[in-house]
Amino acid sequence: MKNRSDRRPRVLYLAFYFPPSRASGVYRARATANHLVEKGWDVTVCAAPLDFLYDVIGSVDEELSKTVDPSIRVERPSLNHYTWQHDLREFSWLRRSFPLMAKRVYQFSQTKLFPERYSSWAWASVVRALKLHSKKRFDVVIATGNPFASFGAAWMFNKLTGVPYVMDYRDSWTLEIFHDEPAFPEGHIAWGWEKRMLANASASVFVNEALRGWHAERYPEVADRMMVVPNGWDPDVLLPAESGDAKEAGGEPAVSETGQDQPRPLKFAYLGTLTAKQPLDEMAEAFKIARRHPDLADAELQLHGHLGFFKNSPGALKARLGLNEDGDHLEGVEDNGLRYLGPVSKTEVGRVYEDADVLVFLAGGGRYVTSGKIFEYMASGHPIVSVHQPGIAAQDVLDGYPLWFNANSLDVDALAASMVAAGKAARDLTPDQRAVAQQHAQTYTREATLIPFEARLREIVGS
């Protein structure tokens, strides 16, 4: 019989959003699981049930599943769809027969047990994990939130088995980062749960220093167990861009009707999920103003990605952006240059970046927001235009990137001026300048950001 030290360390990873989910946090989860396998870990993931991803929220990227290491075991515990069900035919027998009782049971679970609608998945994950643990012991648990019920599952599993756990805050639970204020009133059970879970965790992880600092101030007794593991970019899903072979921004010149060469119109690009919490109106208006400058004549801002996270999101967002159902500008209004080109698989994002001249970094929220997309943007080596509130945490990452154009304001005229400046930089960009910009991004490859985290996990297991 092998000793514990002779076998691969075994980790249970509670990651609700895991491929084929396309939620924003899935890329961190995918990269973490793959990295641990590469470093010699035996990885089991508890993820969302497929019927929820496909039938309830309709949010999937099947190509992304192909990038998950095949040795990773993925379990999909059940989830109560109570709050997502609106068709009587989908209701359970209890809910159809005794709707008031079903409602009270659900409300009790939310107000007295755990205040999140994903909690049924968390408890089902504990049951599934206990069965797996009885056959082959886990050495450590990683729980990533959101949903934050995963933290509760890790805490419960620890109470039942003694296996240590780590809490990975991809987002903040008790801090509303889009308004920089507490997400729950004082006395809410969420505060008690967070304090309890942090107190028993072997470590807690945050995506930037601002979030770590906020939690350390609120929970000073566990501040010494907090660490920052920033997001990063994934070389395996970005096209290689050797500086010597990289296209010069502006690409091949277009030929005018007179037969003389002239530069083709610039392509500005945004890649990511668009949501109502981002400054969409300011971006659209600023780009419309910028296109009046001769250097940006006929320039386009191509929007790649999903419109919202749910099935009913696209219509309202297209209207705000001045786009029709086909993703082109509305008839009868001034063309603002925006074009919606639809979703892009994670495996195709490299092509989008390589085809762009300038990237627009659009982000909502305040000083606690980093956004995982910014790391890919820097890795492309293109000029980047910021469209967000001043002082967000992403500026710490961008600081030192030589092709960053930041108006430090949401004033549309200031934003338009930074877009014009970025366009000029794109026209003049040399391969050497692009290589220098890409070098700044090397600090933020997934491997570079995850090495300290994997080392911390080994310390926990060893102790």
Protein backbone atom coordinates (compact mmCIF):
# COMPACT_ATOMS: atom_id res chain seq x y z
CA MET A 1 0.00 0.00 0.00
CA LYS A 2 1.37 3.42 -0.97
CA ASN A 3 1.99 6.06 1.61
CA ARG A 4 0.23 9.39 1.21
CA SER A 5 3.51 11.00 0.15
CA ASP A 6 3.94 8.44 -2.66
CA ARG A 7 0.77 9.30 -4.52
CA ARG A 8 -0.45 12.33 -6.41
CA PRO A 9 -2.14 14.90 -4.15
CA ARG A 10 -5.87 14.86 -4.74
CA VAL A 11 -7.97 18.03 -4.96
CA LEU A 12 -11.72 18.51 -4.99
CA TYR A 13 -12.52 21.64 -6.99
CA LEU A 14 -15.97 23.15 -6.35
CA ALA A 15 -16.43 25.23 -9.51
CA PHE A 16 -20.06 25.66 -10.53
CA TYR A 17 -19.08 27.46 -13.73
CA PHE A 18 -16.86 25.06 -15.61
CA PRO A 19 -16.81 24.23 -19.36
CA PRO A 20 -19.01 24.14 -21.33
CA SER A 21 -20.32 27.10 -19.32
CA ARG A 22 -19.33 30.45 -20.81
CA ALA A 23 -19.73 32.50 -17.61
CA SER A 24 -16.94 35.01 -17.04
CA GLY A 25 -15.38 32.99 -14.22
CA VAL A 26 -15.07 29.79 -16.22
CA TYR A 27 -11.69 30.70 -17.68
CA ARG A 28 -10.04 30.96 -14.27
CA ALA A 29 -11.55 27.62 -13.26
CA ARG A 30 -10.49 25.91 -16.48
CA ALA A 31 -6.96 27.26 -16.22
CA THR A 32 -6.62 26.34 -12.54
CA ALA A 33 -7.78 22.76 -13.07
CA ASN A 34 -5.49 22.28 -16.07
CA HIS A 35 -2.53 23.83 -14.25
CA LEU A 36 -2.95 21.52 -11.27
CA VAL A 37 -3.01 18.48 -13.54
CA GLU A 38 0.20 19.67 -15.20
CA LYS A 39 1.80 19.97 -11.76
CA GLY A 40 0.92 16.41 -10.84
CA TRP A 41 -2.42 16.72 -9.06
CA ASP A 42 -5.40 14.38 -9.29
CA VAL A 43 -8.30 16.77 -9.98
CA THR A 44 -12.03 16.20 -9.48
CA VAL A 45 -14.43 19.07 -10.29
CA CYS A 46 -17.98 19.49 -9.05
CA ALA A 47 -19.70 21.71 -11.64
CA ALA A 48 -23.15 22.88 -12.71
CA PRO A 49 -25.59 20.31 -14.11
CA LEU A 50 -25.75 20.43 -17.91
CA ASP A 51 -29.52 20.90 -18.03
CA PHE A 52 -29.09 24.17 -16.16
CA LEU A 53 -26.44 25.45 -18.58
CA TYR A 54 -28.31 24.42 -21.73
CA ASP A 55 -32.01 24.67 -20.85
CA VAL A 56 -32.24 27.28 -18.09
CA ILE A 57 -29.69 29.97 -18.91
CA GLY A 58 -28.66 28.87 -22.41
CA SER A 59 -25.06 29.87 -21.78
CA VAL A 60 -22.52 27.45 -23.25
CA ASP A 61 -19.35 27.28 -25.33
CA GLU A 62 -18.91 23.66 -26.35
CA GLU A 63 -15.53 24.29 -27.96
CA LEU A 64 -14.16 25.32 -24.58
CA SER A 65 -14.78 21.83 -23.22
CA LYS A 66 -12.16 20.50 -25.63
CA THR A 67 -9.49 22.54 -23.85
CA VAL A 68 -10.06 20.78 -20.50
CA ASP A 69 -7.45 18.14 -19.67
CA PRO A 70 -9.13 14.74 -20.24
CA SER A 71 -7.75 13.37 -16.97
CA ILE A 72 -9.95 15.79 -14.98
CA ARG A 73 -12.99 14.06 -13.52
CA VAL A 74 -16.10 16.27 -13.74
CA GLU A 75 -19.07 15.59 -11.50
CA ARG A 76 -22.35 17.47 -11.93
CA PRO A 77 -24.48 17.39 -8.77
CA SER A 78 -28.15 18.39 -8.99
CA LEU A 79 -29.58 21.90 -8.61
CA ASN A 80 -33.09 22.91 -7.54
CA HIS A 81 -34.43 25.11 -10.37
CA TYR A 82 -37.11 26.71 -8.17
CA THR A 83 -36.36 30.37 -8.95
CA TRP A 84 -35.74 29.75 -12.64
CA GLN A 85 -38.95 27.80 -13.33
CA HIS A 86 -41.93 29.70 -14.73
CA ASP A 87 -43.75 26.94 -16.59
CA LEU A 88 -46.24 24.99 -14.46
CA ARG A 89 -45.36 21.83 -16.35
CA GLU A 90 -41.83 22.01 -14.98
CA PHE A 91 -42.90 22.31 -11.32
CA SER A 92 -42.25 19.49 -8.90
CA TRP A 93 -45.14 17.51 -7.45
CA LEU A 94 -44.79 19.41 -4.15
CA ARG A 95 -44.83 22.80 -5.83
CA ARG A 96 -47.83 21.95 -8.01
CA SER A 97 -49.82 20.42 -5.16
CA PHE A 98 -48.81 22.73 -2.31
CA PRO A 99 -47.42 25.95 -3.85
CA LEU A 100 -47.54 27.98 -0.62
CA MET A 101 -45.76 25.27 1.33
CA ALA A 102 -43.10 24.96 -1.40
CA LYS A 103 -42.59 28.72 -1.34
CA ARG A 104 -42.21 28.79 2.44
CA VAL A 105 -39.73 25.91 2.39
CA TYR A 106 -37.66 27.71 -0.23
CA GLN A 107 -37.81 31.05 1.62
CA PHE A 108 -36.78 29.33 4.85
CA SER A 109 -33.76 27.83 3.15
CA GLN A 110 -32.74 31.26 1.86
CA THR A 111 -33.28 33.26 5.04
CA LYS A 112 -32.29 30.73 7.70
CA LEU A 113 -29.91 28.24 6.07
CA PHE A 114 -27.83 29.78 3.27
CA PRO A 115 -28.80 32.95 1.38
CA GLU A 116 -28.16 31.91 -2.21
CA ARG A 117 -30.32 30.13 -4.74
CA TYR A 118 -27.49 27.77 -5.69
CA SER A 119 -27.33 26.27 -2.20
CA SER A 120 -29.07 23.02 -3.21
CA TRP A 121 -26.19 22.36 -5.62
CA ALA A 122 -23.72 22.97 -2.80
CA TRP A 123 -25.32 20.44 -0.47
CA ALA A 124 -25.63 17.93 -3.33
CA SER A 125 -21.92 18.46 -4.00
CA VAL A 126 -21.12 17.61 -0.39
CA VAL A 127 -23.06 14.35 -0.68
CA ARG A 128 -21.31 13.48 -3.95
CA ALA A 129 -17.89 14.40 -2.54
CA LEU A 130 -18.39 12.25 0.56
CA LYS A 131 -19.04 9.20 -1.63
CA LEU A 132 -15.90 9.89 -3.66
CA HIS A 133 -13.88 10.60 -0.53
CA SER A 134 -14.88 7.28 1.04
CA LYS A 135 -13.28 5.47 -1.91
CA LYS A 136 -10.22 7.68 -2.34
CA ARG A 137 -9.34 10.49 0.04
CA PHE A 138 -9.17 14.12 -1.02
CA ASP A 139 -6.23 16.10 0.36
CA VAL A 140 -7.59 19.61 -0.12
CA VAL A 141 -10.69 21.41 -1.41
CA ILE A 142 -10.75 24.55 -3.57
CA ALA A 143 -14.05 26.39 -3.66
CA THR A 144 -14.46 29.23 -6.15
CA GLY A 145 -17.25 31.78 -6.04
CA ASN A 146 -19.56 32.78 -7.39
CA PRO A 147 -21.82 31.07 -6.59
CA PHE A 148 -20.70 31.47 -3.01
CA ALA A 149 -22.60 28.42 -1.83
CA SER A 150 -19.46 26.60 -2.97
CA PHE A 151 -17.75 28.12 0.08
CA GLY A 152 -20.49 26.70 2.27
CA ALA A 153 -20.00 23.28 0.71
CA ALA A 154 -16.25 23.42 1.39
CA TRP A 155 -16.92 24.43 5.00
CA MET A 156 -19.42 21.59 5.46
CA PHE A 157 -17.11 19.03 3.88
CA ASN A 158 -14.32 20.19 6.18
CA LYS A 159 -16.57 19.78 9.23
CA LEU A 160 -17.45 16.24 8.20
CA THR A 161 -14.02 15.05 7.05
CA GLY A 162 -11.35 17.44 8.34
CA VAL A 163 -10.06 18.04 4.80
CA PRO A 164 -8.65 21.61 4.55
CA TYR A 165 -10.14 24.05 2.08
CA VAL A 166 -9.27 27.25 0.20
CA MET A 167 -11.77 29.97 -0.76
CA ASP A 168 -11.14 31.56 -4.17
CA TYR A 169 -12.99 34.86 -4.53
CA ARG A 170 -13.31 35.39 -8.28
CA ASP A 171 -15.86 37.99 -7.28
CA SER A 172 -16.94 39.53 -3.99
CA TRP A 173 -19.95 38.17 -2.13
CA THR A 174 -20.57 40.75 0.60
CA LEU A 175 -19.16 43.76 -1.27
CA GLU A 176 -21.19 45.19 -4.16
CA ILE A 177 -18.27 46.07 -6.43
CA PHE A 178 -20.34 48.03 -8.94
CA HIS A 179 -21.40 50.52 -6.26
CA ASP A 180 -18.54 50.13 -3.73
CA GLU A 181 -20.89 49.36 -0.84
CA PRO A 182 -21.89 46.34 1.28
CA ALA A 183 -24.09 43.90 -0.58
CA PHE A 184 -26.09 42.97 2.54
CA PRO A 185 -27.41 44.95 5.51
CA GLU A 186 -25.75 44.51 8.89
CA GLY A 187 -27.14 41.49 10.69
CA HIS A 188 -27.83 39.54 7.49
CA ILE A 189 -26.88 35.87 7.74
CA ALA A 190 -24.42 36.27 4.87
CA TRP A 191 -22.02 38.11 7.20
CA GLY A 192 -22.11 35.31 9.74
CA TRP A 193 -21.53 32.71 7.07
CA GLU A 194 -18.59 34.59 5.55
CA LYS A 195 -16.91 35.06 8.92
CA ARG A 196 -17.44 31.40 9.79
CA MET A 197 -16.11 30.13 6.47
CA LEU A 198 -13.06 32.41 6.43
CA ALA A 199 -12.21 31.45 10.01
CA ASN A 200 -11.96 27.76 9.08
CA ALA A 201 -10.34 28.18 5.67
CA SER A 202 -6.65 27.39 5.33
CA ALA A 203 -6.35 30.24 2.84
CA SER A 204 -8.51 32.74 0.96
CA VAL A 205 -7.63 34.09 -2.47
CA PHE A 206 -8.59 37.34 -4.22
CA VAL A 207 -8.12 38.57 -7.78
CA ASN A 208 -6.63 41.95 -6.84
CA GLU A 209 -5.12 43.78 -3.88
CA ALA A 210 -8.10 46.11 -3.50
CA LEU A 211 -10.45 43.20 -2.78
CA ARG A 212 -7.95 41.49 -0.49
CA GLY A 213 -7.51 44.73 1.44
CA TRP A 214 -11.27 45.25 1.88
CA HIS A 215 -11.72 41.75 3.27
CA ALA A 216 -8.59 41.98 5.42
CA GLU A 217 -9.93 45.15 7.04
CA ARG A 218 -13.28 43.51 7.77
CA TYR A 219 -11.79 40.20 8.93
CA PRO A 220 -8.37 41.11 10.42
CA GLU A 221 -8.14 37.88 12.41
CA VAL A 222 -7.61 35.89 9.18
CA ALA A 223 -5.79 38.54 7.12
CA ASP A 224 -2.52 36.61 7.36
CA ARG A 225 -4.14 33.74 5.41
CA MET A 226 -5.25 35.96 2.52
CA MET A 227 -3.36 36.17 -0.77
CA VAL A 228 -3.77 37.68 -4.24
CA VAL A 229 -3.86 35.43 -7.30
CA PRO A 230 -4.66 37.69 -10.26
CA ASN A 231 -6.36 36.49 -13.37
CA GLY A 232 -4.22 36.02 -16.45
CA TRP A 233 -4.24 35.11 -20.10
CA ASP A 234 -4.18 31.65 -21.63
CA PRO A 235 -1.46 31.09 -24.25
CA ASP A 236 -3.12 27.89 -25.40
CA VAL A 237 -6.17 29.74 -26.75
CA LEU A 238 -4.43 32.79 -28.21
CA LEU A 239 -2.72 32.72 -31.56
CA PRO A 240 1.07 33.05 -31.27
CA ALA A 241 2.18 36.56 -32.18
CA GLU A 242 5.92 36.59 -32.84
CA SER A 243 7.06 40.18 -32.84
CA GLY A 244 8.91 39.80 -36.11
CA ASP A 245 5.91 38.28 -37.87
CA ALA A 246 3.18 40.29 -36.22
CA LYS A 247 1.07 42.27 -38.62
CA GLU A 248 1.60 45.98 -38.56
CA ALA A 249 -1.50 47.70 -37.26
CA GLY A 250 -3.57 48.94 -40.13
CA GLY A 251 -2.87 45.78 -42.12
CA GLU A 252 -2.72 45.78 -45.87
CA PRO A 253 -3.56 49.16 -47.44
CA ALA A 254 -6.84 49.41 -49.27
CA VAL A 255 -6.83 50.59 -52.88
CA SER A 256 -8.90 53.66 -53.69
CA GLU A 257 -11.13 53.98 -56.76
CA THR A 258 -8.45 56.18 -58.38
CA GLY A 259 -5.96 53.33 -58.11
CA GLN A 260 -3.85 54.99 -55.41
CA ASP A 261 -3.06 53.22 -52.17
CA GLN A 262 -4.64 54.49 -48.98
CA PRO A 263 -4.81 52.99 -45.51
CA ARG A 264 -7.87 50.86 -44.87
CA PRO A 265 -10.32 51.98 -42.16
CA LEU A 266 -9.18 51.13 -38.66
CA LYS A 267 -10.79 48.29 -36.74
CA PHE A 268 -11.46 48.98 -33.09
CA ALA A 269 -12.65 45.87 -31.23
CA TYR A 270 -14.28 44.88 -27.97
CA LEU A 271 -14.29 41.20 -27.02
CA GLY A 272 -16.24 39.95 -24.04
CA THR A 273 -19.75 39.78 -22.65
CA LEU A 274 -21.62 43.08 -22.87
CA THR A 275 -23.86 43.91 -19.91
CA ALA A 276 -26.06 46.78 -18.75
CA LYS A 277 -23.57 47.51 -15.94
CA GLN A 278 -20.95 48.73 -18.39
CA PRO A 279 -20.82 52.37 -19.65
CA LEU A 280 -22.28 51.42 -23.04
CA ASP A 281 -23.82 54.82 -23.78
CA GLU A 282 -20.56 56.67 -23.16
CA MET A 283 -18.61 54.26 -25.35
CA ALA A 284 -21.08 54.55 -28.24
CA GLU A 285 -21.27 58.34 -28.09
CA ALA A 286 -17.49 58.75 -27.77
CA PHE A 287 -16.83 56.55 -30.78
CA LYS A 288 -19.38 58.46 -32.85
CA ILE A 289 -17.52 61.69 -31.99
CA ALA A 290 -14.11 60.12 -32.68
CA ARG A 291 -15.17 59.03 -36.19
CA ARG A 292 -15.58 62.68 -37.16
CA HIS A 293 -11.78 63.03 -36.97
CA PRO A 294 -10.10 62.45 -40.36
CA ASP A 295 -7.81 59.75 -38.90
CA LEU A 296 -10.83 57.65 -37.92
CA ALA A 297 -12.97 58.21 -40.98
CA ASP A 298 -15.05 55.08 -41.61
CA ALA A 299 -13.48 53.32 -38.60
CA GLU A 300 -15.58 50.58 -37.01
CA LEU A 301 -15.92 49.41 -33.43
CA GLN A 302 -16.60 45.70 -33.78
CA LEU A 303 -18.30 44.11 -30.79
CA HIS A 304 -17.53 40.42 -30.32
CA GLY A 305 -19.16 38.31 -27.63
CA HIS A 306 -22.49 37.62 -26.02
CA LEU A 307 -25.06 40.27 -25.16
CA GLY A 308 -25.72 39.56 -21.51
CA PHE A 309 -25.69 36.23 -19.71
CA PHE A 310 -29.32 35.28 -20.26
CA LYS A 311 -31.63 34.53 -23.16
CA ASN A 312 -33.64 37.76 -22.90
CA SER A 313 -30.67 40.14 -22.68
CA PRO A 314 -29.75 40.89 -26.34
CA GLY A 315 -32.74 43.02 -27.40
CA ALA A 316 -32.38 45.74 -24.78
CA LEU A 317 -28.61 45.93 -25.15
CA LYS A 318 -28.79 46.30 -28.95
CA ALA A 319 -31.25 49.15 -28.56
CA ARG A 320 -28.92 50.96 -26.14
CA LEU A 321 -26.06 50.61 -28.61
CA GLY A 322 -28.10 51.95 -31.51
CA LEU A 323 -28.09 48.61 -33.33
CA ASN A 324 -30.81 46.72 -35.14
CA GLU A 325 -31.55 43.01 -34.84
CA ASP A 326 -28.83 42.19 -37.38
CA GLY A 327 -26.18 44.02 -35.35
CA ASP A 328 -25.90 46.95 -37.76
CA HIS A 329 -26.78 50.58 -37.06
CA LEU A 330 -30.43 51.62 -36.94
CA GLU A 331 -31.85 53.27 -40.05
CA GLY A 332 -32.62 56.97 -39.77
CA VAL A 333 -29.97 57.75 -37.14
CA GLU A 334 -26.36 58.82 -37.48
CA ASP A 335 -24.07 55.83 -37.90
CA ASN A 336 -22.00 55.56 -34.71
CA GLY A 337 -19.65 53.00 -36.25
CA LEU A 338 -20.61 50.15 -33.94
CA ARG A 339 -21.12 46.68 -35.40
CA TYR A 340 -22.15 43.60 -33.44
CA LEU A 341 -20.53 40.47 -34.88
CA GLY A 342 -21.81 37.90 -32.39
CA PRO A 343 -20.27 35.39 -29.97
CA VAL A 344 -16.75 34.07 -30.32
CA SER A 345 -15.61 30.73 -28.96
CA LYS A 346 -12.73 30.94 -26.51
CA THR A 347 -10.72 28.92 -29.00
CA GLU A 348 -11.19 31.66 -31.64
CA VAL A 349 -10.35 34.77 -29.63
CA GLY A 350 -6.79 34.86 -30.93
CA ARG A 351 -8.08 35.44 -34.44
CA VAL A 352 -10.20 38.38 -33.28
CA TYR A 353 -7.28 40.03 -31.53
CA GLU A 354 -4.95 39.54 -34.47
CA ASP A 355 -7.46 41.14 -36.84
CA ALA A 356 -7.95 44.24 -34.66
CA ASP A 357 -5.99 47.49 -34.66
CA VAL A 358 -7.17 48.97 -31.35
CA LEU A 359 -8.86 47.21 -28.42
CA VAL A 360 -11.49 48.93 -26.31
CA PHE A 361 -11.41 47.99 -22.64
CA LEU A 362 -14.99 48.51 -21.49
CA ALA A 363 -15.61 47.79 -17.81
CA GLY A 364 -18.30 48.57 -15.27
CA GLY A 365 -17.93 49.08 -11.56
CA GLY A 366 -15.50 50.92 -9.34
CA ARG A 367 -12.11 50.52 -7.76
CA TYR A 368 -12.43 46.81 -6.97
CA VAL A 369 -12.86 45.74 -10.62
CA THR A 370 -10.04 44.17 -12.62
CA SER A 371 -11.78 42.15 -15.39
CA GLY A 372 -10.08 39.05 -16.72
CA LYS A 373 -10.25 40.26 -20.32
CA ILE A 374 -7.58 42.94 -19.83
CA PHE A 375 -4.83 40.32 -19.61
CA GLU A 376 -5.63 38.99 -23.07
CA TYR A 377 -5.80 42.54 -24.38
CA MET A 378 -2.25 43.23 -23.22
CA ALA A 379 -0.99 39.94 -24.62
CA SER A 380 -2.16 41.03 -28.08
CA GLY A 381 0.29 43.95 -28.10
CA HIS A 382 -2.28 46.37 -29.55
CA PRO A 383 -3.15 49.89 -28.37
CA ILE A 384 -5.78 49.71 -25.62
CA VAL A 385 -8.39 52.43 -24.94
CA SER A 386 -9.94 52.50 -21.47
CA VAL A 387 -13.68 53.16 -21.12
CA HIS A 388 -14.47 52.91 -17.42
CA GLN A 389 -14.58 54.88 -14.21
CA PRO A 390 -11.24 56.25 -13.06
CA GLY A 391 -9.41 54.37 -10.33
CA ILE A 392 -10.55 50.80 -10.95
CA ALA A 393 -8.17 47.99 -9.99
CA ALA A 394 -7.49 47.17 -13.64
CA GLN A 395 -5.41 50.33 -13.86
CA ASP A 396 -2.82 48.72 -11.57
CA VAL A 397 -2.45 45.95 -14.16
CA LEU A 398 -2.32 48.35 -17.11
CA ASP A 399 0.21 50.63 -15.44
CA GLY A 400 3.41 50.24 -17.44
CA TYR A 401 1.71 48.97 -20.61
CA PRO A 402 3.20 51.30 -23.24
CA LEU A 403 0.16 51.36 -25.56
CA TRP A 404 -2.48 52.27 -22.98
CA PHE A 405 -4.71 55.27 -23.74
CA ASN A 406 -6.66 56.32 -20.68
CA ALA A 407 -8.86 59.41 -20.54
CA ASN A 408 -9.26 58.74 -16.79
CA SER A 409 -12.83 59.91 -17.21
CA LEU A 410 -16.17 58.91 -18.70
CA ASP A 411 -16.55 62.31 -20.35
CA VAL A 412 -17.37 61.47 -23.97
CA ASP A 413 -15.14 64.16 -25.47
CA ALA A 414 -12.16 62.97 -23.43
CA LEU A 415 -12.89 59.38 -24.41
CA ALA A 416 -13.14 60.36 -28.07
CA ALA A 417 -9.75 62.11 -27.89
CA SER A 418 -8.12 58.98 -26.42
CA MET A 419 -9.69 56.88 -29.21
CA VAL A 420 -8.21 59.20 -31.83
CA ALA A 421 -4.79 59.02 -30.16
CA ALA A 422 -4.97 55.22 -30.03
CA GLY A 423 -5.90 55.10 -33.70
CA LYS A 424 -2.85 57.19 -34.62
CA ALA A 425 -0.64 54.90 -32.52
CA ALA A 426 -2.08 51.89 -34.35
CA ARG A 427 -1.24 53.44 -37.72
CA ASP A 428 2.36 54.08 -36.63
CA LEU A 429 2.91 50.86 -34.66
CA THR A 430 6.10 48.94 -35.43
CA PRO A 431 6.79 45.26 -34.72
CA ASP A 432 9.37 46.26 -32.09
CA GLN A 433 6.88 48.49 -30.27
CA ARG A 434 4.36 45.68 -30.26
CA ALA A 435 6.93 43.23 -28.91
CA VAL A 436 7.71 45.59 -26.01
CA ALA A 437 3.99 45.86 -25.22
CA GLN A 438 3.59 42.08 -25.27
CA GLN A 439 6.52 41.69 -22.92
CA HIS A 440 4.55 43.57 -20.25
CA ALA A 441 1.87 40.85 -20.47
CA GLN A 442 4.29 37.99 -19.78
CA THR A 443 3.96 38.63 -16.05
CA TYR A 444 0.31 37.65 -16.32
CA THR A 445 0.32 34.32 -18.12
CA ARG A 446 -1.88 31.83 -16.28
CA GLU A 447 1.15 29.77 -15.35
CA ALA A 448 2.94 32.78 -13.87
CA THR A 449 -0.08 33.77 -11.77
CA LEU A 450 -0.91 30.22 -10.63
CA ILE A 451 2.57 29.05 -9.57
CA PRO A 452 2.36 30.73 -6.12
CA PHE A 453 -1.16 29.36 -5.64
CA GLU A 454 -0.13 25.79 -6.43
CA ALA A 455 2.82 26.14 -4.04
CA ARG A 456 0.45 27.31 -1.28
CA LEU A 457 -1.79 24.27 -1.87
CA ARG A 458 1.19 21.97 -1.43
CA GLU A 459 2.04 23.70 1.85
CA ILE A 460 -1.52 23.14 3.07
CA VAL A 461 -1.48 19.46 2.08
CA GLY A 462 1.97 18.98 3.61
CA SER A 463 0.92 20.46 6.92
